[in-house]
């Protein structure tokens, strides 16, 4: 068996990282384009229909933002770009604790901001509408984009790699909102959203638990969405949102289990 020289190994690694970045940007652009076509182009926030919401969530966020994005993460692991722990997929015991902590801290911050309504049904409808999108946002922007660029920056050290990952993830998270309905597609809002995006970056890159990052990010997103929806409409059961919520959560867990947990080295043995 031929042994690669140090220079050949470096070249191979750089080639793999370049391919990872190309793959990450491809997933991001496809997801953003689908968001624009199915949400922003028709201003779905202001002209909501159950059919429109179902098509948008299933296509942009479940198929692309979860399925295709987690498949890309599998490619990162197989190519030695990142380990499963680094991606934020940890043991279920650790994840449950992290989720509970994210729920308490994120939920507390949400309530302290003073949401437009404290009606439990309105709050649950807000959560149901935002969570499928939040899942895709964290998986695409922080896991796929962030980890690919972190790998690129790691040649200068681990800290530099994390900083590069945070900057890339947060910037592209903001830019992606140009594909959404108003007011989220306005330039001032795009750059404003990079502030909560930075908080999500810290939660994701420091905590390294993707499920906890999703829960925390969802509470940040709920405030903005609830300020721009019809609260009277949200005061009644919206069953299609509940179905999409369940589908999105199951899709993430299934993609995790099928694409990542079945890898031969398991979820917790590579960093």
Protein backbone atom coordinates (compact mmCIF):
# COMPACT_ATOMS: atom_id res chain seq x y z
CA UNK A 1 0.00 0.00 0.00
CA UNK A 2 1.36 3.41 -0.98
CA UNK A 3 2.04 5.78 1.92
CA UNK A 4 1.15 9.42 1.25
CA UNK A 5 3.79 12.03 1.93
CA UNK A 6 3.03 14.97 4.22
CA UNK A 7 2.63 17.24 1.19
CA UNK A 8 0.28 14.79 -0.53
CA UNK A 9 -1.82 14.49 2.63
CA UNK A 10 -2.09 18.29 2.86
CA UNK A 11 -3.11 18.53 -0.79
CA UNK A 12 -5.72 15.79 -0.30
CA UNK A 13 -7.10 17.53 2.78
CA UNK A 14 -7.34 20.89 1.04
CA UNK A 15 -9.07 19.26 -1.92
CA UNK A 16 -11.58 17.63 0.41
CA UNK A 17 -12.25 20.92 2.20
CA UNK A 18 -12.76 22.71 -1.12
CA UNK A 19 -15.25 20.06 -2.17
CA UNK A 20 -17.00 20.39 1.20
CA UNK A 21 -17.36 24.16 0.74
CA UNK A 22 -18.71 23.71 -2.78
CA UNK A 23 -21.19 21.11 -1.52
CA UNK A 24 -22.20 23.36 1.40
CA UNK A 25 -22.77 26.38 -0.85
CA UNK A 26 -24.72 24.23 -3.30
CA UNK A 27 -27.09 23.05 -0.56
CA UNK A 28 -27.42 26.60 0.75
CA UNK A 29 -28.21 28.12 -2.68
CA UNK A 30 -30.76 25.40 -3.51
CA UNK A 31 -32.46 25.88 -0.11
CA UNK A 32 -32.48 29.67 -0.50
CA UNK A 33 -33.89 29.46 -4.02
CA UNK A 34 -36.67 27.12 -2.86
CA UNK A 35 -37.43 29.51 0.01
CA UNK A 36 -37.79 32.42 -2.39
CA UNK A 37 -39.94 30.54 -4.90
CA UNK A 38 -42.28 29.01 -2.32
CA UNK A 39 -42.32 31.67 0.43
CA UNK A 40 -40.85 35.07 -0.40
CA UNK A 41 -42.07 35.34 -3.99
CA UNK A 42 -45.69 34.88 -2.95
CA UNK A 43 -45.32 36.68 0.42
CA UNK A 44 -46.58 33.63 2.27
CA UNK A 45 -46.33 35.29 5.69
CA UNK A 46 -48.91 37.90 4.65
CA UNK A 47 -50.97 35.66 2.38
CA UNK A 48 -51.01 32.40 4.31
CA UNK A 49 -52.73 29.33 2.97
CA UNK A 50 -52.45 25.80 4.37
CA UNK A 51 -51.52 24.46 0.91
CA UNK A 52 -48.82 27.08 0.40
CA UNK A 53 -47.38 26.45 3.85
CA UNK A 54 -47.33 22.68 3.36
CA UNK A 55 -45.58 22.90 -0.02
CA UNK A 56 -43.04 25.41 1.27
CA UNK A 57 -42.14 23.55 4.47
CA UNK A 58 -41.99 20.08 2.93
CA UNK A 59 -39.95 21.16 -0.11
CA UNK A 60 -37.59 23.85 1.17
CA UNK A 61 -37.16 22.80 4.78
CA UNK A 62 -37.80 19.06 5.04
CA UNK A 63 -36.49 17.70 1.73
CA UNK A 64 -33.67 20.21 1.18
CA UNK A 65 -33.04 21.83 4.56
CA UNK A 66 -33.07 18.56 6.49
CA UNK A 67 -32.73 15.59 4.13
CA UNK A 68 -30.21 16.95 1.63
CA UNK A 69 -28.36 18.98 4.27
CA UNK A 70 -27.88 16.02 6.64
CA UNK A 71 -26.72 13.92 3.69
CA UNK A 72 -24.08 16.62 3.07
CA UNK A 73 -23.03 16.34 6.72
CA UNK A 74 -22.59 12.60 6.20
CA UNK A 75 -20.24 13.39 3.32
CA UNK A 76 -18.24 15.64 5.66
CA UNK A 77 -17.82 12.78 8.11
CA UNK A 78 -16.98 10.17 5.47
CA UNK A 79 -14.40 12.58 3.97
CA UNK A 80 -12.84 13.29 7.40
CA UNK A 81 -13.81 16.96 7.17
CA UNK A 82 -15.53 16.77 10.56
CA UNK A 83 -16.52 14.27 13.22
CA UNK A 84 -20.07 13.64 14.31
CA UNK A 85 -19.48 15.29 17.69
CA UNK A 86 -18.15 18.38 15.94
CA UNK A 87 -21.34 18.54 13.86
CA UNK A 88 -23.39 18.61 17.06
CA UNK A 89 -24.84 15.10 17.03
CA UNK A 90 -24.12 13.76 20.50
CA UNK A 91 -25.34 10.97 22.73
CA UNK A 92 -29.08 11.10 23.36
CA UNK A 93 -28.54 11.44 27.11
CA UNK A 94 -26.37 14.54 26.64
CA UNK A 95 -28.74 15.93 24.03
CA UNK A 96 -31.79 15.66 26.28
CA UNK A 97 -30.02 17.63 29.01
CA UNK A 98 -28.86 20.22 26.46
CA UNK A 99 -32.40 20.55 25.06
CA UNK A 100 -33.86 21.13 28.52
CA UNK A 101 -31.25 23.80 29.22
CA UNK A 102 -31.88 25.48 25.85
CA UNK A 103 -35.62 25.39 26.47
CA UNK A 104 -35.29 27.04 29.89
CA UNK A 105 -32.79 29.71 28.81
CA UNK A 106 -34.29 30.35 25.35
CA UNK A 107 -37.85 30.31 26.63
CA UNK A 108 -36.94 32.61 29.48
CA UNK A 109 -35.34 35.13 27.14
CA UNK A 110 -38.37 34.93 24.86
CA UNK A 111 -40.79 35.68 27.70
CA UNK A 112 -38.59 38.49 29.04
CA UNK A 113 -38.82 40.25 25.66
CA UNK A 114 -42.59 40.49 26.04
CA UNK A 115 -44.21 38.54 23.17
CA UNK A 116 -47.27 40.10 21.46
CA UNK A 117 -49.52 37.54 23.18
CA UNK A 118 -49.27 35.19 26.14
CA UNK A 119 -52.22 33.11 24.96
CA UNK A 120 -50.95 29.49 25.14
CA UNK A 121 -52.54 28.59 21.81
CA UNK A 122 -51.00 31.61 20.08
CA UNK A 123 -47.61 30.73 21.54
CA UNK A 124 -47.91 27.10 20.45
CA UNK A 125 -49.01 28.11 16.96
CA UNK A 126 -46.02 30.44 16.78
CA UNK A 127 -43.70 27.64 17.83
CA UNK A 128 -45.30 25.25 15.32
CA UNK A 129 -44.88 27.73 12.47
CA UNK A 130 -41.28 28.64 13.26
CA UNK A 131 -39.72 25.32 14.31
CA UNK A 132 -39.65 23.58 10.88
CA UNK A 133 -37.86 26.62 9.47
CA UNK A 134 -35.53 26.88 12.48
CA UNK A 135 -34.48 23.26 12.05
CA UNK A 136 -33.49 23.89 8.43
CA UNK A 137 -31.76 27.18 9.30
CA UNK A 138 -29.54 25.61 11.94
CA UNK A 139 -28.77 22.50 9.89
CA UNK A 140 -27.96 24.43 6.69
CA UNK A 141 -26.36 27.61 8.00
CA UNK A 142 -24.57 26.47 11.15
CA UNK A 143 -23.93 22.78 10.55
CA UNK A 144 -23.38 22.61 6.78
CA UNK A 145 -21.98 26.09 6.06
CA UNK A 146 -20.42 26.70 9.46
CA UNK A 147 -18.60 23.37 9.69
CA UNK A 148 -17.33 23.52 6.08
CA UNK A 149 -15.82 26.97 6.64
CA UNK A 150 -14.55 26.00 10.08
CA UNK A 151 -12.61 23.19 8.42
CA UNK A 152 -11.14 25.70 5.96
CA UNK A 153 -10.07 28.08 8.74
CA UNK A 154 -8.58 25.34 10.93
CA UNK A 155 -5.30 25.48 9.01
CA UNK A 156 -4.65 28.64 11.05
CA UNK A 157 -5.68 27.02 14.34
CA UNK A 158 -8.84 25.76 16.06
CA UNK A 159 -9.87 29.19 17.35
CA UNK A 160 -9.51 30.76 13.92
CA UNK A 161 -11.49 27.88 12.45
CA UNK A 162 -14.38 28.48 14.86
CA UNK A 163 -14.34 32.23 14.13
CA UNK A 164 -14.40 31.62 10.38
CA UNK A 165 -17.28 29.15 10.82
CA UNK A 166 -19.25 31.63 12.93
CA UNK A 167 -18.74 34.50 10.47
CA UNK A 168 -19.69 32.42 7.43
CA UNK A 169 -22.74 30.83 9.07
CA UNK A 170 -24.06 34.08 10.51
CA UNK A 171 -23.49 36.14 7.36
CA UNK A 172 -25.19 33.64 5.07
CA UNK A 173 -28.01 33.19 7.59
CA UNK A 174 -28.70 36.91 7.31
CA UNK A 175 -28.39 37.01 3.52
CA UNK A 176 -30.79 34.09 3.12
CA UNK A 177 -33.58 36.30 4.47
CA UNK A 178 -33.66 38.21 1.20
CA UNK A 179 -35.56 35.11 -0.01
CA UNK A 180 -38.31 35.62 2.59
CA UNK A 181 -41.43 37.76 2.82
CA UNK A 182 -41.31 41.36 4.00
CA UNK A 183 -40.15 42.72 6.37
CA UNK A 184 -37.56 39.94 6.67
CA UNK A 185 -36.24 40.60 3.15
CA UNK A 186 -35.43 44.24 3.81
CA UNK A 187 -31.74 45.11 4.12
CA UNK A 188 -31.99 46.61 7.59
CA UNK A 189 -33.74 43.47 8.80
CA UNK A 190 -31.25 41.15 7.06
CA UNK A 191 -28.37 42.71 8.98
CA UNK A 192 -30.36 43.07 12.20
CA UNK A 193 -31.07 39.32 12.17
CA UNK A 194 -27.33 38.68 12.26
CA UNK A 195 -27.43 39.79 15.92
CA UNK A 196 -29.59 36.88 17.15
CA UNK A 197 -27.75 34.79 14.58
CA UNK A 198 -24.51 35.51 16.42
CA UNK A 199 -26.08 34.25 19.65
CA UNK A 200 -27.11 31.03 17.90
CA UNK A 201 -23.56 30.74 16.57
CA UNK A 202 -22.16 30.83 20.09
CA UNK A 203 -24.70 28.26 21.31
CA UNK A 204 -23.91 25.93 18.41
CA UNK A 205 -20.13 26.23 18.23
CA UNK A 206 -19.55 26.27 21.99
CA UNK A 207 -22.20 23.73 22.97
CA UNK A 208 -21.83 21.47 19.92
CA UNK A 209 -25.36 20.10 20.21
CA UNK A 210 -27.49 20.69 17.15
CA UNK A 211 -30.81 19.89 18.81
CA UNK A 212 -30.22 22.35 21.64
CA UNK A 213 -29.11 25.01 19.13
CA UNK A 214 -32.35 24.49 17.18
CA UNK A 215 -34.51 24.92 20.30
CA UNK A 216 -32.64 28.05 21.36
CA UNK A 217 -32.70 29.51 17.84
CA UNK A 218 -36.41 28.80 17.56
CA UNK A 219 -37.20 31.00 20.56
CA UNK A 220 -35.17 33.81 18.99
CA UNK A 221 -37.12 33.45 15.74
CA UNK A 222 -40.56 33.23 17.35
CA UNK A 223 -40.48 36.83 18.52
CA UNK A 224 -39.91 38.27 15.05
CA UNK A 225 -42.47 36.03 13.38
CA UNK A 226 -45.19 36.63 15.98
CA UNK A 227 -44.81 40.39 15.50
CA UNK A 228 -45.64 39.99 11.81
CA UNK A 229 -48.52 37.51 11.76
CA UNK A 230 -52.26 37.81 12.27
CA UNK A 231 -52.66 37.07 15.98
CA UNK A 232 -56.40 36.57 15.56
CA UNK A 233 -55.71 33.78 13.09
CA UNK A 234 -53.16 32.32 15.51
CA UNK A 235 -55.82 32.24 18.25
CA UNK A 236 -57.43 29.17 16.69
CA UNK A 237 -56.09 25.66 16.11
CA UNK A 238 -53.95 25.41 12.98
CA UNK A 239 -53.75 21.69 12.43
CA UNK A 240 -51.62 21.81 9.29
CA UNK A 241 -48.88 23.54 11.32
CA UNK A 242 -48.97 20.76 13.92
CA UNK A 243 -48.65 18.09 11.22
CA UNK A 244 -45.71 19.93 9.64
CA UNK A 245 -44.10 20.29 13.06
CA UNK A 246 -44.28 16.55 13.68
CA UNK A 247 -43.04 15.72 10.17
CA UNK A 248 -40.07 18.09 10.52
CA UNK A 249 -38.98 16.71 13.89
CA UNK A 250 -39.33 13.12 12.69
CA UNK A 251 -37.43 13.97 9.50
CA UNK A 252 -34.50 15.39 11.47
CA UNK A 253 -34.32 12.42 13.85
CA UNK A 254 -34.70 9.95 10.96
CA UNK A 255 -32.04 11.70 8.87
CA UNK A 256 -29.73 11.72 11.89
CA UNK A 257 -30.31 8.02 12.49
CA UNK A 258 -30.16 6.94 8.86
CA UNK A 259 -27.31 9.13 7.55
CA UNK A 260 -25.12 9.57 10.65
CA UNK A 261 -25.78 7.14 13.50
CA UNK A 262 -25.41 4.15 11.17
CA UNK A 263 -21.87 5.08 10.21
CA UNK A 264 -19.56 2.26 11.35
CA UNK A 265 -17.68 4.31 13.95
CA UNK A 266 -20.86 5.48 15.75
CA UNK A 267 -21.92 8.90 16.97
CA UNK A 268 -19.44 9.51 19.78
CA UNK A 269 -16.10 8.04 18.76
CA UNK A 270 -14.74 10.67 16.33
CA UNK A 271 -14.07 14.37 16.92
